[in-house]
Amino acid sequence: MSDEAYRRTLDRLFALRRFGMRPGLEVVRSLLGALGDPQASFTSVHITGSKGKGSVAAMVAGILGASGRTVGRFTSPHLQSYRERIHVGDRPISQREVVEGVERVARAGQALLSRGSIDREPTFFEVTTALAFDHFRRTGVDTGVIEVGLGGRLDSTNVLDAPSTGIVTIELEHTDILGPTLADVAREKAGILHPGTRTVVGELPPGARSVVDRIADQLGVAVWHLGEEVQVVDRTLHPKGQTLSIALPHRTVERVELRLLGHFQSGNAAVAIALSEVYAESAGFALSDRAIRDGLAHVRWRGRLELVRRRPDLYLDVAHTPESVSAVARSIAEIQPFEDPAENVVMFGCLKDKKAEQMLDRLSPVAQTVVLVPVRSERTAPLELLRLAAQGRFPRIVQAPDVPTGLRLARVATGPDGFTLALGSDYLVGEILDVLDGGGEAAPDLSDPADVPAPAPATSEKPASIRSTRRPRKA
């Protein structure tokens, strides 16, 4: 399979972003039905949350893989390659499998449109979801670990009959789509619950927790809560990660080694172990302590307080909300205590719809220098806006025209005993990794669109973006 064919497929997927996000399940159900309902070929762990759900998904996939299951993992967004989103075991989907899989989905969508079975083109995320589930069936997956894209109730992944579901965190986010209050957001995320499932929830704000518990009670869903039925009973830091002991209702798993940094990852690990336990019970196999330890010992989840360079140290994190930035600031102070913030540098860039001022305010105790950069997206926050947000919070404010330049300036400004902390956006972390790794796919902006577009003008011509590109056979 040529790189050119793969690039054309990425361009087709990029073109689908113009349809934005369309909450609702009718189109994705029809699309999956036309593909033979691949989501029915495996059982699932279904995970939502405002943050942490990707980390939890990676940990659950590691644990269940170490238990002998053939695990498919579907997460979003990606940092460097679209292929990161879809894994079977440790193997990402190949370029050939992306090209051929998107072609199958395209033909199914075209047939549905031609028959009038759907009234619009499938979106970027609907096509990606269908690609993942079809790939999992074709590769013999028996367990899917599926991360919700946005919300829960109307997310494209919510076609699963998952016996194990998780709600990791709930914050006020995407209020234009999920609703203006925490209770509204909680209702949307609790939409992945259904009769017959069991769920594990993280430490939620009281108002959000009461909504989740009430919906679970109405559906007859048993709930384990982090901090109650599930607890981190012991935690020790070490240079390469942390060691945990996790108490479940019927046993305690002692001395679990986790190579992921950050206080927040201890709670994520507890939720992941509990979810794996609930899934194993539903699937009829015993989850051993050894599988938990082996699975978590090898989990790597890029861009989550990841230490990528030494002397001076460089940490990357995808945090992009005030709450997640606070968690990172707390964790880095725990990992690498510092007396003089003048030694440290924050490198920051975000999208224009994010709360830059609040994030920078929570980062101000960490460093005295901030390097501001645009991120590689049409929705990047302008540097002048970021400068205004940083004023009065950092004594030294540096603007850089791009990420490579910003990274060089940040590293020069970091003291020998200090650290650079880069955060604010998935895009920022992905581009830094491209710089450090010397590559990346140079793909178009394949983010998950969060905008709900205005209705398109009526036209008799089908949009070309998802139409099959197979050439007709010669007579």
Protein backbone atom coordinates (compact mmCIF):
# COMPACT_ATOMS: atom_id res chain seq x y z
CA MET A 1 0.00 0.00 0.00
CA SER A 2 1.53 3.29 -1.09
CA ASP A 3 1.95 6.29 1.17
CA GLU A 4 0.07 8.25 -1.49
CA ALA A 5 -3.04 6.06 -1.14
CA TYR A 6 -2.95 6.45 2.63
CA ARG A 7 -2.54 10.21 2.32
CA ARG A 8 -5.54 10.39 -0.03
CA THR A 9 -7.58 8.50 2.56
CA LEU A 10 -6.54 10.96 5.28
CA ASP A 11 -7.58 13.80 2.98
CA ARG A 12 -11.00 12.18 2.56
CA LEU A 13 -11.35 11.91 6.31
CA PHE A 14 -10.25 15.53 6.68
CA ALA A 15 -12.95 16.59 4.23
CA LEU A 16 -15.58 15.01 6.47
CA ARG A 17 -14.76 17.50 9.22
CA ARG A 18 -16.86 20.10 7.41
CA PHE A 19 -19.92 18.19 8.62
CA GLY A 20 -18.85 18.92 12.20
CA MET A 21 -20.34 16.85 15.02
CA ARG A 22 -23.92 15.61 14.68
CA PRO A 23 -25.16 14.24 18.01
CA GLY A 24 -27.38 11.23 17.45
CA LEU A 25 -27.15 7.52 16.75
CA GLU A 26 -29.39 6.96 13.74
CA VAL A 27 -26.73 7.35 11.06
CA VAL A 28 -24.00 5.36 12.84
CA ARG A 29 -26.48 2.55 13.59
CA SER A 30 -27.45 2.39 9.91
CA LEU A 31 -23.81 2.48 8.86
CA LEU A 32 -22.87 -0.33 11.23
CA GLY A 33 -25.94 -2.30 10.14
CA ALA A 34 -24.83 -2.06 6.53
CA LEU A 35 -21.44 -3.45 7.63
CA GLY A 36 -23.09 -6.40 9.40
CA ASP A 37 -23.12 -4.92 12.93
CA PRO A 38 -19.46 -5.59 13.74
CA GLN A 39 -19.91 -4.16 17.26
CA ALA A 40 -21.94 -7.30 18.10
CA SER A 41 -18.92 -9.53 17.46
CA PHE A 42 -17.13 -8.57 20.69
CA THR A 43 -17.99 -7.54 24.24
CA SER A 44 -16.86 -4.18 25.53
CA VAL A 45 -15.69 -1.95 28.30
CA HIS A 46 -17.15 1.50 27.54
CA ILE A 47 -15.48 4.53 29.15
CA THR A 48 -16.43 8.21 29.35
CA GLY A 49 -15.25 11.20 31.35
CA SER A 50 -14.10 14.78 31.06
CA LYS A 51 -10.49 13.72 31.48
CA GLY A 52 -8.60 10.52 32.22
CA LYS A 53 -10.73 8.25 30.06
CA GLY A 54 -7.92 7.63 27.58
CA SER A 55 -5.50 6.69 30.35
CA VAL A 56 -8.09 4.38 31.88
CA ALA A 57 -8.74 2.79 28.48
CA ALA A 58 -5.03 2.14 27.98
CA MET A 59 -4.76 0.55 31.42
CA VAL A 60 -7.86 -1.64 30.99
CA ALA A 61 -6.59 -2.79 27.60
CA GLY A 62 -3.24 -3.68 29.17
CA ILE A 63 -4.81 -5.64 32.03
CA LEU A 64 -7.25 -7.58 29.85
CA GLY A 65 -4.55 -8.27 27.27
CA ALA A 66 -2.36 -9.73 30.03
CA SER A 67 -5.35 -11.90 30.97
CA GLY A 68 -5.25 -13.60 27.58
CA ARG A 69 -7.97 -11.62 25.84
CA THR A 70 -7.60 -10.34 22.28
CA VAL A 71 -8.22 -6.66 22.94
CA GLY A 72 -9.20 -3.93 20.51
CA ARG A 73 -8.71 -0.39 21.81
CA PHE A 74 -10.46 2.63 20.31
CA THR A 75 -9.43 6.05 21.63
CA SER A 76 -9.42 9.66 20.48
CA PRO A 77 -7.95 12.03 19.57
CA HIS A 78 -4.51 11.06 18.34
CA LEU A 79 -1.24 12.91 18.87
CA GLN A 80 0.94 12.07 15.86
CA SER A 81 -0.82 9.50 13.69
CA TYR A 82 -4.46 8.74 12.93
CA ARG A 83 -3.53 5.08 13.32
CA GLU A 84 -3.04 5.59 17.08
CA ARG A 85 -6.80 5.58 17.53
CA ILE A 86 -7.29 1.90 16.65
CA HIS A 87 -5.17 -0.85 18.18
CA VAL A 88 -5.43 -4.62 18.42
CA GLY A 89 -3.14 -5.59 21.26
CA ASP A 90 -0.01 -3.47 20.88
CA ARG A 91 -0.42 -3.15 17.11
CA PRO A 92 -1.96 -0.04 15.57
CA ILE A 93 -4.12 -0.41 12.50
CA SER A 94 -1.92 -0.41 9.39
CA GLN A 95 -2.03 2.08 6.55
CA ARG A 96 -3.45 -0.60 4.27
CA GLU A 97 -6.16 -1.45 6.79
CA VAL A 98 -7.11 2.23 7.09
CA VAL A 99 -7.35 2.63 3.31
CA GLU A 100 -9.33 -0.57 2.74
CA GLY A 101 -11.49 -0.06 5.82
CA VAL A 102 -12.46 3.51 4.96
CA GLU A 103 -13.30 2.29 1.45
CA ARG A 104 -15.69 -0.32 2.90
CA VAL A 105 -17.32 2.28 5.11
CA ALA A 106 -17.55 4.67 2.15
CA ARG A 107 -19.36 2.08 0.01
CA ALA A 108 -21.77 1.32 2.84
CA GLY A 109 -22.50 5.02 3.37
CA GLN A 110 -22.98 5.62 -0.35
CA ALA A 111 -25.46 2.74 -0.60
CA LEU A 112 -27.43 4.04 2.39
CA LEU A 113 -27.58 7.53 0.91
CA SER A 114 -28.65 6.19 -2.49
CA ARG A 115 -31.52 4.25 -0.91
CA GLY A 116 -32.55 7.17 1.28
CA SER A 117 -31.86 5.12 4.40
CA ILE A 118 -29.88 8.02 5.87
CA ASP A 119 -30.46 11.71 5.21
CA ARG A 120 -26.91 12.99 5.47
CA GLU A 121 -23.27 12.05 5.07
CA PRO A 122 -21.66 10.21 7.99
CA THR A 123 -19.35 12.48 9.99
CA PHE A 124 -15.63 12.08 10.60
CA PHE A 125 -16.17 10.42 13.96
CA GLU A 126 -18.98 8.16 12.71
CA VAL A 127 -16.75 6.89 9.91
CA THR A 128 -13.85 6.41 12.33
CA THR A 129 -16.07 4.51 14.79
CA ALA A 130 -17.36 2.24 12.03
CA LEU A 131 -13.80 1.67 10.78
CA ALA A 132 -12.66 0.66 14.28
CA PHE A 133 -15.50 -1.76 14.96
CA ASP A 134 -15.21 -3.34 11.49
CA HIS A 135 -11.45 -3.72 12.01
CA PHE A 136 -11.98 -5.38 15.38
CA ARG A 137 -14.29 -8.00 13.88
CA ARG A 138 -11.93 -8.72 11.00
CA THR A 139 -8.97 -9.22 13.33
CA GLY A 140 -10.78 -11.53 15.76
CA VAL A 141 -11.07 -9.20 18.74
CA ASP A 142 -13.09 -10.66 21.63
CA THR A 143 -12.90 -7.61 23.91
CA GLY A 144 -13.24 -3.97 22.90
CA VAL A 145 -12.05 -1.17 25.17
CA ILE A 146 -13.90 1.81 23.79
CA GLU A 147 -13.42 5.45 24.75
CA VAL A 148 -16.33 7.83 24.22
CA GLY A 149 -15.54 10.71 21.89
CA LEU A 150 -17.68 13.40 23.50
CA GLY A 151 -20.39 13.15 26.14
CA GLY A 152 -21.93 9.71 26.08
CA ARG A 153 -25.66 9.51 25.42
CA LEU A 154 -25.49 10.62 21.77
CA ASP A 155 -21.86 9.73 21.07
CA SER A 156 -21.25 7.48 18.07
CA THR A 157 -19.78 4.76 20.31
CA ASN A 158 -23.01 4.44 22.30
CA VAL A 159 -24.28 1.56 20.19
CA LEU A 160 -22.56 -0.97 22.45
CA ASP A 161 -24.20 -3.39 24.87
CA ALA A 162 -21.22 -3.18 27.22
CA PRO A 163 -21.32 -5.20 30.46
CA SER A 164 -18.75 -2.86 32.05
CA THR A 165 -18.89 0.94 31.87
CA GLY A 166 -16.85 3.68 33.48
CA ILE A 167 -17.32 7.39 34.16
CA VAL A 168 -13.88 8.65 35.16
CA THR A 169 -14.42 12.37 35.78
CA ILE A 170 -17.06 15.04 35.17
CA GLU A 171 -16.21 18.69 34.58
CA LEU A 172 -18.06 21.59 33.02
CA GLU A 173 -17.11 21.17 29.35
CA HIS A 174 -18.60 21.51 25.87
CA THR A 175 -21.56 23.32 27.41
CA ASP A 176 -22.92 24.25 23.97
CA ILE A 177 -23.43 20.55 23.29
CA LEU A 178 -23.72 18.84 26.70
CA GLY A 179 -25.62 21.57 28.56
CA PRO A 180 -24.79 24.53 30.80
CA THR A 181 -24.55 22.81 34.20
CA LEU A 182 -22.61 19.94 35.78
CA ALA A 183 -25.90 18.09 36.18
CA ASP A 184 -26.51 18.39 32.42
CA VAL A 185 -23.02 17.09 31.63
CA ALA A 186 -23.50 14.24 34.10
CA ARG A 187 -26.79 13.22 32.46
CA GLU A 188 -25.13 13.07 29.06
CA LYS A 189 -22.21 11.00 30.30
CA ALA A 190 -24.51 8.68 32.25
CA GLY A 191 -26.19 7.97 28.91
CA ILE A 192 -23.77 5.06 28.42
CA LEU A 193 -25.41 3.23 31.33
CA HIS A 194 -28.07 0.66 30.47
CA PRO A 195 -29.83 -2.23 32.19
CA GLY A 196 -27.48 -5.17 32.60
CA THR A 197 -24.29 -3.19 32.86
CA ARG A 198 -22.17 -2.51 35.94
CA THR A 199 -20.30 0.75 36.30
CA VAL A 200 -17.30 2.22 38.07
CA VAL A 201 -17.14 5.97 38.65
CA GLY A 202 -14.28 8.19 39.72
CA GLU A 203 -14.43 10.91 42.35
CA LEU A 204 -17.16 13.13 40.93
CA PRO A 205 -18.38 16.53 42.15
CA PRO A 206 -21.40 16.02 44.50
CA GLY A 207 -23.96 17.40 42.05
CA ALA A 208 -22.69 15.24 39.21
CA ARG A 209 -22.44 12.14 41.38
CA SER A 210 -26.05 12.46 42.57
CA VAL A 211 -27.23 12.57 38.94
CA VAL A 212 -25.18 9.51 37.97
CA ASP A 213 -26.30 7.55 41.05
CA ARG A 214 -29.95 8.41 40.43
CA ILE A 215 -29.81 7.30 36.78
CA ALA A 216 -27.97 4.12 37.76
CA ASP A 217 -30.60 3.38 40.40
CA GLN A 218 -33.42 3.90 37.89
CA LEU A 219 -31.76 1.45 35.47
CA GLY A 220 -30.82 -1.11 38.12
CA VAL A 221 -27.10 -0.58 37.46
CA ALA A 222 -24.69 -1.52 40.26
CA VAL A 223 -22.10 1.18 40.93
CA TRP A 224 -18.62 1.09 42.48
CA HIS A 225 -17.27 4.49 43.52
CA LEU A 226 -13.63 5.51 43.72
CA GLY A 227 -12.98 6.40 47.35
CA GLU A 228 -15.62 3.99 48.64
CA GLU A 229 -15.95 0.51 47.13
CA VAL A 230 -12.66 1.12 45.28
CA GLN A 231 -9.74 2.75 47.09
CA VAL A 232 -6.07 3.58 46.67
CA VAL A 233 -4.84 2.32 50.04
CA ASP A 234 -1.11 2.78 49.56
CA ARG A 235 0.98 4.81 47.12
CA THR A 236 4.74 5.24 46.82
CA LEU A 237 6.54 7.41 44.28
CA HIS A 238 9.76 6.37 42.58
CA PRO A 239 11.79 7.90 39.72
CA LYS A 240 10.13 5.79 37.00
CA GLY A 241 6.54 5.95 38.21
CA GLN A 242 4.61 4.84 41.28
CA THR A 243 3.67 1.74 43.26
CA LEU A 244 0.05 1.30 44.34
CA SER A 245 -2.14 -1.00 46.36
CA ILE A 246 -5.80 -0.97 45.30
CA ALA A 247 -8.68 -2.21 47.44
CA LEU A 248 -11.71 -3.70 45.68
CA PRO A 249 -14.86 -4.86 47.47
CA HIS A 250 -13.64 -8.47 47.74
CA ARG A 251 -9.85 -8.21 47.71
CA THR A 252 -6.82 -5.93 47.68
CA VAL A 253 -4.29 -5.98 44.87
CA GLU A 254 -0.91 -5.25 46.45
CA ARG A 255 2.10 -3.43 45.00
CA VAL A 256 1.04 -2.65 41.47
CA GLU A 257 3.82 -0.95 39.50
CA LEU A 258 2.64 1.91 37.27
CA ARG A 259 5.06 3.65 34.94
CA LEU A 260 2.75 6.62 34.44
CA LEU A 261 3.50 9.76 36.44
CA GLY A 262 1.03 11.97 38.29
CA HIS A 263 -1.18 11.81 41.34
CA PHE A 264 -4.24 11.66 39.08
CA GLN A 265 -3.00 8.42 37.50
CA SER A 266 -3.32 6.56 40.80
CA GLY A 267 -7.08 7.14 40.77
CA ASN A 268 -7.23 6.28 37.08
CA ALA A 269 -5.42 3.00 37.81
CA ALA A 270 -7.89 2.15 40.57
CA VAL A 271 -10.83 2.77 38.22
CA ALA A 272 -9.14 0.68 35.50
CA ILE A 273 -8.53 -2.27 37.83
CA ALA A 274 -12.13 -2.15 39.06
CA LEU A 275 -13.49 -1.96 35.49
CA SER A 276 -11.34 -4.93 34.49
CA GLU A 277 -12.61 -6.89 37.48
CA VAL A 278 -16.24 -6.13 36.64
CA TYR A 279 -15.68 -7.10 33.00
CA ALA A 280 -13.94 -10.36 33.95
CA GLU A 281 -16.85 -11.34 36.18
CA SER A 282 -19.30 -10.69 33.34
CA ALA A 283 -17.16 -12.69 30.90
CA GLY A 284 -16.78 -15.61 33.29
CA PHE A 285 -13.05 -15.63 33.95
CA ALA A 286 -10.99 -14.88 37.03
CA LEU A 287 -8.83 -11.77 36.87
CA SER A 288 -5.54 -12.61 38.59
CA ASP A 289 -3.32 -10.21 40.51
CA ARG A 290 -0.51 -11.20 38.17
CA ALA A 291 -2.48 -10.11 35.09
CA ILE A 292 -3.20 -6.77 36.74
CA ARG A 293 0.44 -6.25 37.64
CA ASP A 294 1.77 -7.41 34.26
CA GLY A 295 -0.79 -5.37 32.35
CA LEU A 296 -0.16 -2.12 34.18
CA ALA A 297 3.62 -2.51 34.32
CA HIS A 298 3.83 -2.16 30.53
CA VAL A 299 1.25 0.58 29.94
CA ARG A 300 2.59 3.64 28.21
CA TRP A 301 0.22 6.50 27.41
CA ARG A 302 1.94 9.31 25.59
CA GLY A 303 1.53 12.96 26.48
CA ARG A 304 0.19 12.40 29.99
CA LEU A 305 2.77 14.05 32.25
CA GLU A 306 5.32 12.26 30.13
CA LEU A 307 9.01 12.86 30.84
CA VAL A 308 10.61 12.92 27.39
CA ARG A 309 13.98 14.57 27.98
CA ARG A 310 16.46 14.88 30.86
CA ARG A 311 18.75 17.67 32.11
CA PRO A 312 16.87 19.84 31.98
CA ASP A 313 13.76 17.73 32.26
CA LEU A 314 10.97 18.17 29.72
CA TYR A 315 7.42 17.08 30.59
CA LEU A 316 4.49 16.97 28.17
CA ASP A 317 0.81 16.88 29.06
CA VAL A 318 -2.37 17.26 27.01
CA ALA A 319 -4.24 19.07 29.81
CA HIS A 320 -6.49 21.74 28.31
CA THR A 321 -8.97 22.67 31.06
CA PRO A 322 -8.37 24.58 34.30
CA GLU A 323 -9.13 21.47 36.34
CA SER A 324 -6.74 19.21 34.44
CA VAL A 325 -4.02 21.89 34.50
CA SER A 326 -4.42 22.11 38.28
CA ALA A 327 -3.98 18.34 38.55
CA VAL A 328 -0.80 18.51 36.47
CA ALA A 329 0.60 21.41 38.53
CA ARG A 330 -0.06 19.49 41.74
CA SER A 331 1.52 16.33 40.34
CA ILE A 332 4.68 17.93 38.99
CA ALA A 333 5.28 19.64 42.34
CA GLU A 334 5.03 16.20 43.93
CA ILE A 335 7.31 14.50 41.38
CA GLN A 336 9.96 17.17 41.18
CA PRO A 337 9.71 19.55 44.16
CA PHE A 338 11.18 22.94 43.36
CA GLU A 339 12.27 25.83 45.52
CA ASP A 340 12.91 28.37 42.80
CA PRO A 341 10.29 28.71 40.02
CA ALA A 342 12.77 30.92 38.17
CA GLU A 343 14.49 27.68 37.11
CA ASN A 344 11.33 26.40 35.39
CA VAL A 345 9.56 27.26 32.15
CA VAL A 346 5.97 26.68 31.06
CA MET A 347 5.43 26.26 27.32
CA PHE A 348 1.79 26.91 26.48
CA GLY A 349 -0.53 26.90 23.50
CA CYS A 350 -4.23 26.16 23.22
CA LEU A 351 -7.32 26.45 21.06
CA LYS A 352 -9.16 29.76 21.03
CA ASP A 353 -12.26 28.38 22.76
CA LYS A 354 -10.31 27.22 25.84
CA LYS A 355 -10.00 29.06 29.16
CA ALA A 356 -6.44 30.30 28.67
CA GLU A 357 -6.54 32.87 31.46
CA GLN A 358 -7.69 30.38 34.07
CA MET A 359 -5.18 27.76 32.95
CA LEU A 360 -2.27 30.19 33.03
CA ASP A 361 -3.36 31.46 36.43
CA ARG A 362 -3.10 27.93 37.83
CA LEU A 363 0.30 27.46 36.21
CA SER A 364 1.78 30.71 37.54
CA PRO A 365 3.24 29.16 40.74
CA VAL A 366 5.12 26.58 38.66
CA ALA A 367 7.42 28.91 36.71
CA GLN A 368 8.39 32.53 36.20
CA THR A 369 8.81 32.21 32.44
CA VAL A 370 6.09 31.26 29.97
CA VAL A 371 6.73 30.62 26.27
CA LEU A 372 3.58 31.09 24.21
CA VAL A 373 3.12 29.33 20.87
CA PRO A 374 0.38 28.84 18.29
CA VAL A 375 -0.79 25.25 17.88
CA ARG A 376 -1.13 23.48 14.57
CA SER A 377 -4.86 23.99 14.08
CA GLU A 378 -7.12 26.43 12.30
CA ARG A 379 -8.67 27.00 15.74
CA THR A 380 -5.47 28.05 17.52
CA ALA A 381 -5.62 30.86 20.07
CA PRO A 382 -3.85 33.97 18.73
CA LEU A 383 -0.58 34.84 20.46
CA GLU A 384 -1.83 38.29 21.43
CA LEU A 385 -4.79 36.72 23.25
CA LEU A 386 -2.42 34.38 25.09
CA ARG A 387 -0.12 37.28 25.98
CA LEU A 388 -3.04 39.16 27.55
CA ALA A 389 -3.97 36.03 29.49
CA ALA A 390 -0.40 35.64 30.79
CA GLN A 391 0.11 39.26 31.82
CA GLY A 392 0.34 39.73 35.58
CA ARG A 393 0.85 35.99 36.04
CA PHE A 394 4.37 35.46 34.69
CA PRO A 395 7.25 37.92 35.09
CA ARG A 396 8.72 36.82 31.75
CA ILE A 397 6.50 36.27 28.72
CA VAL A 398 8.05 35.04 25.47
CA GLN A 399 6.16 34.68 22.18
CA ALA A 400 7.35 32.25 19.53
CA PRO A 401 6.10 32.04 15.94
CA ASP A 402 5.90 28.25 15.95
CA VAL A 403 6.35 25.18 18.15
CA PRO A 404 9.94 24.25 17.09
CA THR A 405 11.12 27.79 17.85
CA GLY A 406 9.17 27.89 21.10
CA LEU A 407 10.66 24.59 22.22
CA ARG A 408 14.20 25.84 21.57
CA LEU A 409 13.55 29.05 23.50
CA ALA A 410 11.96 27.18 26.40
CA ARG A 411 14.86 24.77 26.69
CA VAL A 412 17.43 27.59 26.67
CA ALA A 413 15.49 29.46 29.39
CA THR A 414 15.21 26.41 31.67
CA GLY A 415 17.72 26.26 34.51
CA PRO A 416 20.00 23.22 34.90
CA ASP A 417 18.04 22.06 37.96
CA GLY A 418 14.65 23.08 36.60
CA PHE A 419 12.16 21.66 34.13
CA THR A 420 10.12 22.64 31.09
CA LEU A 421 6.41 21.82 31.27
CA ALA A 422 4.59 21.95 27.92
CA LEU A 423 0.80 21.73 27.96
CA GLY A 424 -2.49 23.26 26.84
CA SER A 425 -3.48 21.16 23.84
CA ASP A 426 -3.23 17.74 22.21
CA TYR A 427 -1.96 19.59 19.13
CA LEU A 428 0.93 21.13 21.07
CA VAL A 429 2.03 17.79 22.50
CA GLY A 430 1.72 16.07 19.14
CA GLU A 431 3.82 18.67 17.39
CA ILE A 432 6.51 18.59 20.09
CA LEU A 433 6.68 14.80 19.74
CA ASP A 434 7.04 15.25 15.98
CA VAL A 435 9.95 17.63 16.58
CA LEU A 436 11.64 15.29 19.06
CA ASP A 437 11.00 12.11 17.07
CA GLY A 438 11.95 13.69 13.76
CA GLY A 439 8.78 13.04 11.84
CA GLY A 440 5.09 12.34 12.14
CA GLU A 441 2.65 11.87 9.29
CA ALA A 442 2.29 15.58 8.49
CA ALA A 443 -1.41 14.75 8.32
CA PRO A 444 -4.22 17.28 7.86
CA ASP A 445 -6.11 18.56 10.90
CA LEU A 446 -7.76 15.25 11.88
CA SER A 447 -9.12 16.48 15.19
CA ASP A 448 -12.58 15.47 16.34
CA PRO A 449 -14.81 18.40 15.35
CA ALA A 450 -16.84 19.77 18.25
CA ASP A 451 -18.90 22.24 16.25
CA VAL A 452 -22.48 21.53 15.23
CA PRO A 453 -22.65 22.93 11.70
CA ALA A 454 -25.46 24.91 10.19
CA PRO A 455 -27.69 22.93 7.81
CA ALA A 456 -26.06 22.60 4.41
CA PRO A 457 -27.89 24.06 1.41
CA ALA A 458 -30.03 21.58 -0.49
CA THR A 459 -28.28 19.95 -3.41
CA SER A 460 -29.05 17.07 -5.71
CA GLU A 461 -25.43 15.99 -5.83
CA LYS A 462 -24.02 13.68 -3.19
CA PRO A 463 -20.93 15.12 -1.43
CA ALA A 464 -17.79 13.54 -2.78
CA SER A 465 -15.84 13.17 0.43
CA ILE A 466 -17.13 9.77 1.52
CA ARG A 467 -18.05 8.42 -1.88
CA SER A 468 -16.22 5.30 -2.95
CA THR A 469 -13.06 6.02 -4.94
CA ARG A 470 -12.94 2.62 -6.59
CA ARG A 471 -12.66 2.87 -10.32
CA PRO A 472 -15.46 1.18 -12.28
CA ARG A 473 -14.53 -2.09 -13.89
CA LYS A 474 -13.91 -2.08 -17.57
CA ALA A 475 -16.51 -3.87 -19.66
